[in-house]
């Protein structure tokens, strides 16, 4: 086993218990579904639905997807939105 492989194995063994602890700390009783509507995202962000649409359409990196075959329907992955909020809170009025 090379030194790189030994290091990778040691790091993985150190990280695994931390990942398990983090998973236990993660909130699983979130009242919002994993895939948010514009309305639900607006509630979380405390902005208007139009502002969420603007963020989805014009702000690079805002986590949003469009439903297959539905050009105007925007969905926002809940966990990615929470992460985006942590990193971009200054963009929210």
PDB file of N, CA and C in Angstrom:
ATOM      1  N   UNK A   1       0.856  -1.175   0.000  1.00  0.00           N
ATOM      2  CA  UNK A   1       0.000   0.000   0.000  1.00  0.00           C
ATOM      3  C   UNK A   1       0.904   1.241   0.000  1.00  0.00           C
ATOM      4  N   UNK A   2       0.616   2.167  -0.919  1.00  0.00           N
ATOM      5  CA  UNK A   2       1.426   3.382  -1.025  1.00  0.00           C
ATOM      6  C   UNK A   2       1.097   4.339   0.119  1.00  0.00           C
ATOM      7  N   UNK A   3       1.939   5.328   0.274  1.00  0.00           N
ATOM      8  CA  UNK A   3       1.716   6.321   1.328  1.00  0.00           C
ATOM      9  C   UNK A   3       0.424   7.090   1.071  1.00  0.00           C
ATOM     10  N   UNK A   4       0.134   7.382  -0.220  1.00  0.00           N
ATOM     11  CA  UNK A   4      -1.102   8.087  -0.564  1.00  0.00           C
ATOM     12  C   UNK A   4      -2.326   7.263  -0.177  1.00  0.00           C
ATOM     13  N   UNK A   5      -2.273   5.977  -0.469  1.00  0.00           N
ATOM     14  CA  UNK A   5      -3.394   5.098  -0.126  1.00  0.00           C
ATOM     15  C   UNK A   5      -3.562   4.990   1.386  1.00  0.00           C
ATOM     16  N   UNK A   6      -2.458   4.938   2.097  1.00  0.00           N
ATOM     17  CA  UNK A   6      -2.500   4.875   3.552  1.00  0.00           C
ATOM     18  C   UNK A   6      -3.134   6.142   4.126  1.00  0.00           C
ATOM     19  N   UNK A   7      -2.746   7.281   3.575  1.00  0.00           N
ATOM     20  CA  UNK A   7      -3.312   8.552   4.037  1.00  0.00           C
ATOM     21  C   UNK A   7      -4.796   8.618   3.723  1.00  0.00           C
ATOM     22  N   UNK A   8      -5.176   8.233   2.501  1.00  0.00           N
ATOM     23  CA  UNK A   8      -6.592   8.246   2.121  1.00  0.00           C
ATOM     24  C   UNK A   8      -7.419   7.363   3.047  1.00  0.00           C
ATOM     25  N   UNK A   9      -6.899   6.187   3.358  1.00  0.00           N
ATOM     26  CA  UNK A   9      -7.619   5.271   4.241  1.00  0.00           C
ATOM     27  C   UNK A   9      -7.758   5.867   5.641  1.00  0.00           C
ATOM     28  N   UNK A  10      -6.686   6.459   6.146  1.00  0.00           N
ATOM     29  CA  UNK A  10      -6.725   7.059   7.481  1.00  0.00           C
ATOM     30  C   UNK A  10      -7.713   8.223   7.534  1.00  0.00           C
ATOM     31  N   UNK A  11      -7.716   9.038   6.496  1.00  0.00           N
ATOM     32  CA  UNK A  11      -8.646  10.168   6.448  1.00  0.00           C
ATOM     33  C   UNK A  11     -10.078   9.665   6.393  1.00  0.00           C
ATOM     34  N   UNK A  12     -10.333   8.673   5.558  1.00  0.00           N
ATOM     35  CA  UNK A  12     -11.687   8.121   5.445  1.00  0.00           C
ATOM     36  C   UNK A  12     -12.154   7.538   6.780  1.00  0.00           C
ATOM     37  N   UNK A  13     -11.271   6.837   7.464  1.00  0.00           N
ATOM     38  CA  UNK A  13     -11.624   6.264   8.761  1.00  0.00           C
ATOM     39  C   UNK A  13     -11.899   7.360   9.791  1.00  0.00           C
ATOM     40  N   UNK A  14     -11.208   8.489   9.676  1.00  0.00           N
ATOM     41  CA  UNK A  14     -11.440   9.599  10.602  1.00  0.00           C
ATOM     42  C   UNK A  14     -12.726  10.342  10.268  1.00  0.00           C
ATOM     43  N   UNK A  15     -13.037  10.439   8.990  1.00  0.00           N
ATOM     44  CA  UNK A  15     -14.212  11.197   8.555  1.00  0.00           C
ATOM     45  C   UNK A  15     -15.512  10.434   8.787  1.00  0.00           C
ATOM     46  N   UNK A  16     -15.511   9.142   8.609  1.00  0.00           N
ATOM     47  CA  UNK A  16     -16.746   8.363   8.685  1.00  0.00           C
ATOM     48  C   UNK A  16     -17.520   8.578   9.989  1.00  0.00           C
ATOM     49  N   UNK A  17     -16.890   8.489  11.162  1.00  0.00           N
ATOM     50  CA  UNK A  17     -17.666   8.726  12.393  1.00  0.00           C
ATOM     51  C   UNK A  17     -18.213  10.151  12.472  1.00  0.00           C
ATOM     52  N   UNK A  18     -17.461  11.109  11.935  1.00  0.00           N
ATOM     53  CA  UNK A  18     -17.940  12.493  11.935  1.00  0.00           C
ATOM     54  C   UNK A  18     -19.155  12.649  11.032  1.00  0.00           C
ATOM     55  N   UNK A  19     -19.141  11.993   9.887  1.00  0.00           N
ATOM     56  CA  UNK A  19     -20.293  12.036   8.987  1.00  0.00           C
ATOM     57  C   UNK A  19     -21.519  11.427   9.654  1.00  0.00           C
ATOM     58  N   UNK A  20     -21.325  10.341  10.378  1.00  0.00           N
ATOM     59  CA  UNK A  20     -22.442   9.698  11.075  1.00  0.00           C
ATOM     60  C   UNK A  20     -23.011  10.622  12.155  1.00  0.00           C
ATOM     61  N   UNK A  21     -22.139  11.297  12.896  1.00  0.00           N
ATOM     62  CA  UNK A  21     -22.608  12.241  13.914  1.00  0.00           C
ATOM     63  C   UNK A  21     -23.352  13.404  13.270  1.00  0.00           C
ATOM     64  N   UNK A  22     -22.809  13.922  12.182  1.00  0.00           N
ATOM     65  CA  UNK A  22     -23.451  15.031  11.479  1.00  0.00           C
ATOM     66  C   UNK A  22     -24.819  14.625  10.963  1.00  0.00           C
ATOM     67  N   UNK A  23     -24.920  13.422  10.462  1.00  0.00           N
ATOM     68  CA  UNK A  23     -26.201  12.930   9.957  1.00  0.00           C
ATOM     69  C   UNK A  23     -27.236  12.874  11.076  1.00  0.00           C
ATOM     70  N   UNK A  24     -26.807  12.515  12.273  1.00  0.00           N
ATOM     71  CA  UNK A  24     -27.727  12.471  13.408  1.00  0.00           C
ATOM     72  C   UNK A  24     -28.155  13.871  13.834  1.00  0.00           C
ATOM     73  N   UNK A  25     -27.271  14.848  13.651  1.00  0.00           N
ATOM     74  CA  UNK A  25     -27.585  16.219  14.029  1.00  0.00           C
ATOM     75  C   UNK A  25     -28.446  16.933  12.994  1.00  0.00           C
ATOM     76  N   UNK A  26     -28.450  16.430  11.775  1.00  0.00           N
ATOM     77  CA  UNK A  26     -29.225  17.049  10.710  1.00  0.00           C
ATOM     78  C   UNK A  26     -30.703  16.980  11.048  1.00  0.00           C
ATOM     79  N   UNK A  27     -31.386  18.083  10.839  1.00  0.00           N
ATOM     80  CA  UNK A  27     -32.812  18.159  11.147  1.00  0.00           C
ATOM     81  C   UNK A  27     -33.588  17.351  10.113  1.00  0.00           C
ATOM     82  N   UNK A  28     -34.279  16.325  10.570  1.00  0.00           N
ATOM     83  CA  UNK A  28     -35.064  15.482   9.674  1.00  0.00           C
ATOM     84  C   UNK A  28     -36.550  15.788   9.779  1.00  0.00           C
ATOM     85  N   UNK A  29     -36.917  16.650  10.685  1.00  0.00           N
ATOM     86  CA  UNK A  29     -38.332  16.952  10.851  1.00  0.00           C
ATOM     87  C   UNK A  29     -38.658  18.338  10.301  1.00  0.00           C
ATOM     88  N   UNK A  30     -37.964  18.708   9.241  1.00  0.00           N
ATOM     89  CA  UNK A  30     -38.209  19.991   8.586  1.00  0.00           C
ATOM     90  C   UNK A  30     -39.630  19.989   8.031  1.00  0.00           C
ATOM     91  N   UNK A  31     -40.388  21.052   8.272  1.00  0.00           N
ATOM     92  CA  UNK A  31     -41.774  21.076   7.800  1.00  0.00           C
ATOM     93  C   UNK A  31     -41.892  21.224   6.285  1.00  0.00           C
ATOM     94  N   UNK A  32     -40.805  21.598   5.627  1.00  0.00           N
ATOM     95  CA  UNK A  32     -40.850  21.791   4.182  1.00  0.00           C
ATOM     96  C   UNK A  32     -40.378  20.537   3.448  1.00  0.00           C
ATOM     97  N   UNK A  33     -40.951  20.273   2.275  1.00  0.00           N
ATOM     98  CA  UNK A  33     -40.525  19.113   1.489  1.00  0.00           C
ATOM     99  C   UNK A  33     -39.131  19.339   0.905  1.00  0.00           C
ATOM    100  N   UNK A  34     -38.507  18.270   0.447  1.00  0.00           N
ATOM    101  CA  UNK A  34     -37.162  18.364  -0.123  1.00  0.00           C
ATOM    102  C   UNK A  34     -37.140  19.199  -1.401  1.00  0.00           C
ATOM    103  N   UNK A  35     -38.235  19.216  -2.147  1.00  0.00           N
ATOM    104  CA  UNK A  35     -38.343  20.016  -3.369  1.00  0.00           C
ATOM    105  C   UNK A  35     -39.385  21.097  -3.125  1.00  0.00           C
ATOM    106  N   UNK A  36     -38.925  22.337  -3.045  1.00  0.00           N
ATOM    107  CA  UNK A  36     -39.795  23.456  -2.694  1.00  0.00           C
ATOM    108  C   UNK A  36     -40.422  24.100  -3.920  1.00  0.00           C
ATOM    109  N   UNK A  37     -41.616  24.614  -3.733  1.00  0.00           N
ATOM    110  CA  UNK A  37     -42.234  25.462  -4.741  1.00  0.00           C
ATOM    111  C   UNK A  37     -41.716  26.885  -4.533  1.00  0.00           C
ATOM    112  N   UNK A  38     -42.016  27.749  -5.479  1.00  0.00           N
ATOM    113  CA  UNK A  38     -41.636  29.156  -5.337  1.00  0.00           C
ATOM    114  C   UNK A  38     -42.271  29.742  -4.080  1.00  0.00           C
ATOM    115  N   UNK A  39     -43.518  29.394  -3.823  1.00  0.00           N
ATOM    116  CA  UNK A  39     -44.219  29.908  -2.642  1.00  0.00           C
ATOM    117  C   UNK A  39     -43.518  29.478  -1.355  1.00  0.00           C
ATOM    118  N   UNK A  40     -43.140  28.203  -1.266  1.00  0.00           N
ATOM    119  CA  UNK A  40     -42.473  27.702  -0.058  1.00  0.00           C
ATOM    120  C   UNK A  40     -41.104  28.356   0.120  1.00  0.00           C
ATOM    121  N   UNK A  41     -40.374  28.519  -0.977  1.00  0.00           N
ATOM    122  CA  UNK A  41     -39.068  29.181  -0.897  1.00  0.00           C
ATOM    123  C   UNK A  41     -39.233  30.630  -0.450  1.00  0.00           C
ATOM    124  N   UNK A  42     -40.283  31.291  -0.937  1.00  0.00           N
ATOM    125  CA  UNK A  42     -40.551  32.674  -0.532  1.00  0.00           C
ATOM    126  C   UNK A  42     -40.829  32.756   0.967  1.00  0.00           C
ATOM    127  N   UNK A  43     -41.548  31.779   1.502  1.00  0.00           N
ATOM    128  CA  UNK A  43     -41.817  31.750   2.944  1.00  0.00           C
ATOM    129  C   UNK A  43     -40.517  31.625   3.731  1.00  0.00           C
ATOM    130  N   UNK A  44     -39.646  30.741   3.286  1.00  0.00           N
ATOM    131  CA  UNK A  44     -38.379  30.529   3.983  1.00  0.00           C
ATOM    132  C   UNK A  44     -37.515  31.784   3.924  1.00  0.00           C
ATOM    133  N   UNK A  45     -37.443  32.387   2.737  1.00  0.00           N
ATOM    134  CA  UNK A  45     -36.606  33.570   2.542  1.00  0.00           C
ATOM    135  C   UNK A  45     -37.247  34.852   3.068  1.00  0.00           C
ATOM    136  N   UNK A  46     -38.562  34.775   3.326  1.00  0.00           N
ATOM    137  CA  UNK A  46     -39.336  35.942   3.769  1.00  0.00           C
ATOM    138  C   UNK A  46     -39.269  37.069   2.740  1.00  0.00           C
ATOM    139  N   UNK A  47     -39.474  36.658   1.486  1.00  0.00           N
ATOM    140  CA  UNK A  47     -39.544  37.600   0.367  1.00  0.00           C
ATOM    141  C   UNK A  47     -40.765  37.242  -0.466  1.00  0.00           C
ATOM    142  N   UNK A  48     -41.038  38.043  -1.480  1.00  0.00           N
ATOM    143  CA  UNK A  48     -42.182  37.762  -2.343  1.00  0.00           C
ATOM    144  C   UNK A  48     -41.862  36.616  -3.303  1.00  0.00           C
ATOM    145  N   UNK A  49     -42.906  36.032  -3.849  1.00  0.00           N
ATOM    146  CA  UNK A  49     -42.725  34.977  -4.843  1.00  0.00           C
ATOM    147  C   UNK A  49     -42.014  35.528  -6.077  1.00  0.00           C
ATOM    148  N   UNK A  50     -42.314  36.782  -6.441  1.00  0.00           N
ATOM    149  CA  UNK A  50     -41.628  37.395  -7.583  1.00  0.00           C
ATOM    150  C   UNK A  50     -40.131  37.513  -7.332  1.00  0.00           C
ATOM    151  N   UNK A  51     -39.751  37.822  -6.092  1.00  0.00           N
ATOM    152  CA  UNK A  51     -38.321  37.919  -5.761  1.00  0.00           C
ATOM    153  C   UNK A  51     -37.647  36.561  -5.905  1.00  0.00           C
ATOM    154  N   UNK A  52     -38.314  35.492  -5.519  1.00  0.00           N
ATOM    155  CA  UNK A  52     -37.751  34.150  -5.685  1.00  0.00           C
ATOM    156  C   UNK A  52     -37.565  33.856  -7.170  1.00  0.00           C
ATOM    157  N   UNK A  53     -38.547  34.224  -7.982  1.00  0.00           N
ATOM    158  CA  UNK A  53     -38.420  34.013  -9.432  1.00  0.00           C
ATOM    159  C   UNK A  53     -37.238  34.807  -9.995  1.00  0.00           C
ATOM    160  N   UNK A  54     -37.062  36.043  -9.516  1.00  0.00           N
ATOM    161  CA  UNK A  54     -35.921  36.845  -9.955  1.00  0.00           C
ATOM    162  C   UNK A  54     -34.601  36.179  -9.567  1.00  0.00           C
ATOM    163  N   UNK A  55     -34.524  35.696  -8.341  1.00  0.00           N
ATOM    164  CA  UNK A  55     -33.313  35.005  -7.898  1.00  0.00           C
ATOM    165  C   UNK A  55     -33.042  33.789  -8.776  1.00  0.00           C
ATOM    166  N   UNK A  56     -34.089  33.018  -9.056  1.00  0.00           N
ATOM    167  CA  UNK A  56     -33.938  31.807  -9.861  1.00  0.00           C
ATOM    168  C   UNK A  56     -33.517  32.128 -11.292  1.00  0.00           C
ATOM    169  N   UNK A  57     -34.040  33.215 -11.835  1.00  0.00           N
ATOM    170  CA  UNK A  57     -33.773  33.544 -13.236  1.00  0.00           C
ATOM    171  C   UNK A  57     -32.498  34.347 -13.457  1.00  0.00           C
ATOM    172  N   UNK A  58     -32.084  35.140 -12.473  1.00  0.00           N
ATOM    173  CA  UNK A  58     -31.001  36.084 -12.727  1.00  0.00           C
ATOM    174  C   UNK A  58     -29.790  35.983 -11.814  1.00  0.00           C
ATOM    175  N   UNK A  59     -29.891  35.306 -10.700  1.00  0.00           N
ATOM    176  CA  UNK A  59     -28.761  35.233  -9.770  1.00  0.00           C
ATOM    177  C   UNK A  59     -28.017  33.922  -9.986  1.00  0.00           C
ATOM    178  N   UNK A  60     -26.773  34.063 -10.429  1.00  0.00           N
ATOM    179  CA  UNK A  60     -25.956  32.880 -10.687  1.00  0.00           C
ATOM    180  C   UNK A  60     -25.714  32.123  -9.384  1.00  0.00           C
ATOM    181  N   UNK A  61     -25.904  30.830  -9.434  1.00  0.00           N
ATOM    182  CA  UNK A  61     -25.679  29.998  -8.263  1.00  0.00           C
ATOM    183  C   UNK A  61     -26.899  29.773  -7.394  1.00  0.00           C
ATOM    184  N   UNK A  62     -28.008  30.482  -7.693  1.00  0.00           N
ATOM    185  CA  UNK A  62     -29.219  30.238  -6.907  1.00  0.00           C
ATOM    186  C   UNK A  62     -29.738  28.847  -7.256  1.00  0.00           C
ATOM    187  N   UNK A  63     -30.016  28.020  -6.248  1.00  0.00           N
ATOM    188  CA  UNK A  63     -30.390  26.625  -6.506  1.00  0.00           C
ATOM    189  C   UNK A  63     -31.832  26.480  -6.976  1.00  0.00           C
ATOM    190  N   UNK A  64     -32.005  26.310  -8.260  1.00  0.00           N
ATOM    191  CA  UNK A  64     -33.360  26.113  -8.777  1.00  0.00           C
ATOM    192  C   UNK A  64     -33.316  25.195  -9.987  1.00  0.00           C
ATOM    193  N   UNK A  65     -34.429  24.536 -10.222  1.00  0.00           N
ATOM    194  CA  UNK A  65     -34.572  23.674 -11.390  1.00  0.00           C
ATOM    195  C   UNK A  65     -35.945  23.916 -11.986  1.00  0.00           C
ATOM    196  N   UNK A  66     -36.077  23.536 -13.219  1.00  0.00           N
ATOM    197  CA  UNK A  66     -37.377  23.633 -13.888  1.00  0.00           C
ATOM    198  C   UNK A  66     -37.880  22.220 -14.124  1.00  0.00           C
ATOM    199  N   UNK A  67     -39.170  22.043 -13.923  1.00  0.00           N
ATOM    200  CA  UNK A  67     -39.779  20.729 -14.115  1.00  0.00           C
ATOM    201  C   UNK A  67     -39.717  20.356 -15.589  1.00  0.00           C
ATOM    202  N   UNK A  68     -39.461  19.114 -15.864  1.00  0.00           N
ATOM    203  CA  UNK A  68     -39.395  18.603 -17.231  1.00  0.00           C
ATOM    204  C   UNK A  68     -40.711  18.869 -17.941  1.00  0.00           C
ATOM    205  N   UNK A  69     -40.643  19.552 -19.060  1.00  0.00           N
ATOM    206  CA  UNK A  69     -41.841  19.823 -19.838  1.00  0.00           C
ATOM    207  C   UNK A  69     -42.669  20.981 -19.329  1.00  0.00           C
ATOM    208  N   UNK A  70     -42.238  21.601 -18.245  1.00  0.00           N
ATOM    209  CA  UNK A  70     -42.974  22.735 -17.678  1.00  0.00           C
ATOM    210  C   UNK A  70     -42.022  23.926 -17.608  1.00  0.00           C
ATOM    211  N   UNK A  71     -42.028  24.750 -18.654  1.00  0.00           N
ATOM    212  CA  UNK A  71     -41.069  25.852 -18.749  1.00  0.00           C
ATOM    213  C   UNK A  71     -41.134  26.816 -17.571  1.00  0.00           C
ATOM    214  N   UNK A  72     -42.326  27.120 -17.109  1.00  0.00           N
ATOM    215  CA  UNK A  72     -42.441  28.158 -16.092  1.00  0.00           C
ATOM    216  C   UNK A  72     -42.416  27.644 -14.656  1.00  0.00           C
ATOM    217  N   UNK A  73     -42.534  26.341 -14.450  1.00  0.00           N
ATOM    218  CA  UNK A  73     -42.578  25.803 -13.085  1.00  0.00           C
ATOM    219  C   UNK A  73     -41.162  25.696 -12.530  1.00  0.00           C
ATOM    220  N   UNK A  74     -40.899  26.423 -11.458  1.00  0.00           N
ATOM    221  CA  UNK A  74     -39.577  26.441 -10.828  1.00  0.00           C
ATOM    222  C   UNK A  74     -39.657  25.678  -9.510  1.00  0.00           C
ATOM    223  N   UNK A  75     -38.661  24.838  -9.278  1.00  0.00           N
ATOM    224  CA  UNK A  75     -38.536  24.131  -8.007  1.00  0.00           C
ATOM    225  C   UNK A  75     -37.176  24.447  -7.409  1.00  0.00           C
ATOM    226  N   UNK A  76     -37.113  24.439  -6.088  1.00  0.00           N
ATOM    227  CA  UNK A  76     -35.880  24.749  -5.376  1.00  0.00           C
ATOM    228  C   UNK A  76     -35.582  23.607  -4.407  1.00  0.00           C
ATOM    229  N   UNK A  77     -34.415  22.966  -4.542  1.00  0.00           N
ATOM    230  CA  UNK A  77     -34.041  21.924  -3.583  1.00  0.00           C
ATOM    231  C   UNK A  77     -33.832  22.546  -2.196  1.00  0.00           C
ATOM    232  N   UNK A  78     -34.596  22.075  -1.227  1.00  0.00           N
ATOM    233  CA  UNK A  78     -34.603  22.660   0.117  1.00  0.00           C
ATOM    234  C   UNK A  78     -33.211  22.748   0.746  1.00  0.00           C
ATOM    235  N   UNK A  79     -32.485  21.648   0.762  1.00  0.00           N
ATOM    236  CA  UNK A  79     -31.192  21.637   1.438  1.00  0.00           C
ATOM    237  C   UNK A  79     -30.187  22.546   0.739  1.00  0.00           C
ATOM    238  N   UNK A  80     -30.248  22.586  -0.597  1.00  0.00           N
ATOM    239  CA  UNK A  80     -29.365  23.491  -1.340  1.00  0.00           C
ATOM    240  C   UNK A  80     -29.747  24.947  -1.089  1.00  0.00           C
ATOM    241  N   UNK A  81     -31.039  25.210  -0.891  1.00  0.00           N
ATOM    242  CA  UNK A  81     -31.467  26.574  -0.569  1.00  0.00           C
ATOM    243  C   UNK A  81     -30.910  26.988   0.789  1.00  0.00           C
ATOM    244  N   UNK A  82     -31.005  26.116   1.779  1.00  0.00           N
ATOM    245  CA  UNK A  82     -30.461  26.434   3.101  1.00  0.00           C
ATOM    246  C   UNK A  82     -28.961  26.740   3.008  1.00  0.00           C
ATOM    247  N   UNK A  83     -28.255  25.951   2.226  1.00  0.00           N
ATOM    248  CA  UNK A  83     -26.821  26.173   2.049  1.00  0.00           C
ATOM    249  C   UNK A  83     -26.576  27.504   1.331  1.00  0.00           C
ATOM    250  N   UNK A  84     -27.387  27.784   0.317  1.00  0.00           N
ATOM    251  CA  UNK A  84     -27.249  29.046  -0.417  1.00  0.00           C
ATOM    252  C   UNK A  84     -27.489  30.228   0.520  1.00  0.00           C
ATOM    253  N   UNK A  85     -28.475  30.129   1.394  1.00  0.00           N
ATOM    254  CA  UNK A  85     -28.768  31.209   2.342  1.00  0.00           C
ATOM    255  C   UNK A  85     -27.551  31.480   3.230  1.00  0.00           C
ATOM    256  N   UNK A  86     -26.924  30.429   3.721  1.00  0.00           N
ATOM    257  CA  UNK A  86     -25.748  30.598   4.583  1.00  0.00           C
ATOM    258  C   UNK A  86     -24.630  31.341   3.864  1.00  0.00           C
ATOM    259  N   UNK A  87     -24.469  31.060   2.569  1.00  0.00           N
ATOM    260  CA  UNK A  87     -23.371  31.647   1.809  1.00  0.00           C
ATOM    261  C   UNK A  87     -23.712  32.980   1.153  1.00  0.00           C
ATOM    262  N   UNK A  88     -25.002  33.314   1.046  1.00  0.00           N
ATOM    263  CA  UNK A  88     -25.408  34.500   0.284  1.00  0.00           C
ATOM    264  C   UNK A  88     -26.442  35.351   1.000  1.00  0.00           C
ATOM    265  N   UNK A  89     -26.431  35.359   2.302  1.00  0.00           N
ATOM    266  CA  UNK A  89     -27.460  36.075   3.061  1.00  0.00           C
ATOM    267  C   UNK A  89     -27.535  37.555   2.693  1.00  0.00           C
ATOM    268  N   UNK A  90     -26.424  38.131   2.208  1.00  0.00           N
ATOM    269  CA  UNK A  90     -26.431  39.558   1.878  1.00  0.00           C
ATOM    270  C   UNK A  90     -27.285  39.874   0.651  1.00  0.00           C
ATOM    271  N   UNK A  91     -27.636  38.867  -0.152  1.00  0.00           N
ATOM    272  CA  UNK A  91     -28.478  39.085  -1.330  1.00  0.00           C
ATOM    273  C   UNK A  91     -29.962  39.090  -0.995  1.00  0.00           C
ATOM    274  N   UNK A  92     -30.295  38.745   0.238  1.00  0.00           N
ATOM    275  CA  UNK A  92     -31.699  38.686   0.640  1.00  0.00           C
ATOM    276  C   UNK A  92     -32.033  39.978   1.377  1.00  0.00           C
ATOM    277  N   UNK A  93     -33.023  40.723   0.869  1.00  0.00           N
ATOM    278  CA  UNK A  93     -33.363  42.002   1.517  1.00  0.00           C
ATOM    279  C   UNK A  93     -33.956  41.818   2.898  1.00  0.00           C
TER     280      UNK A  93
END
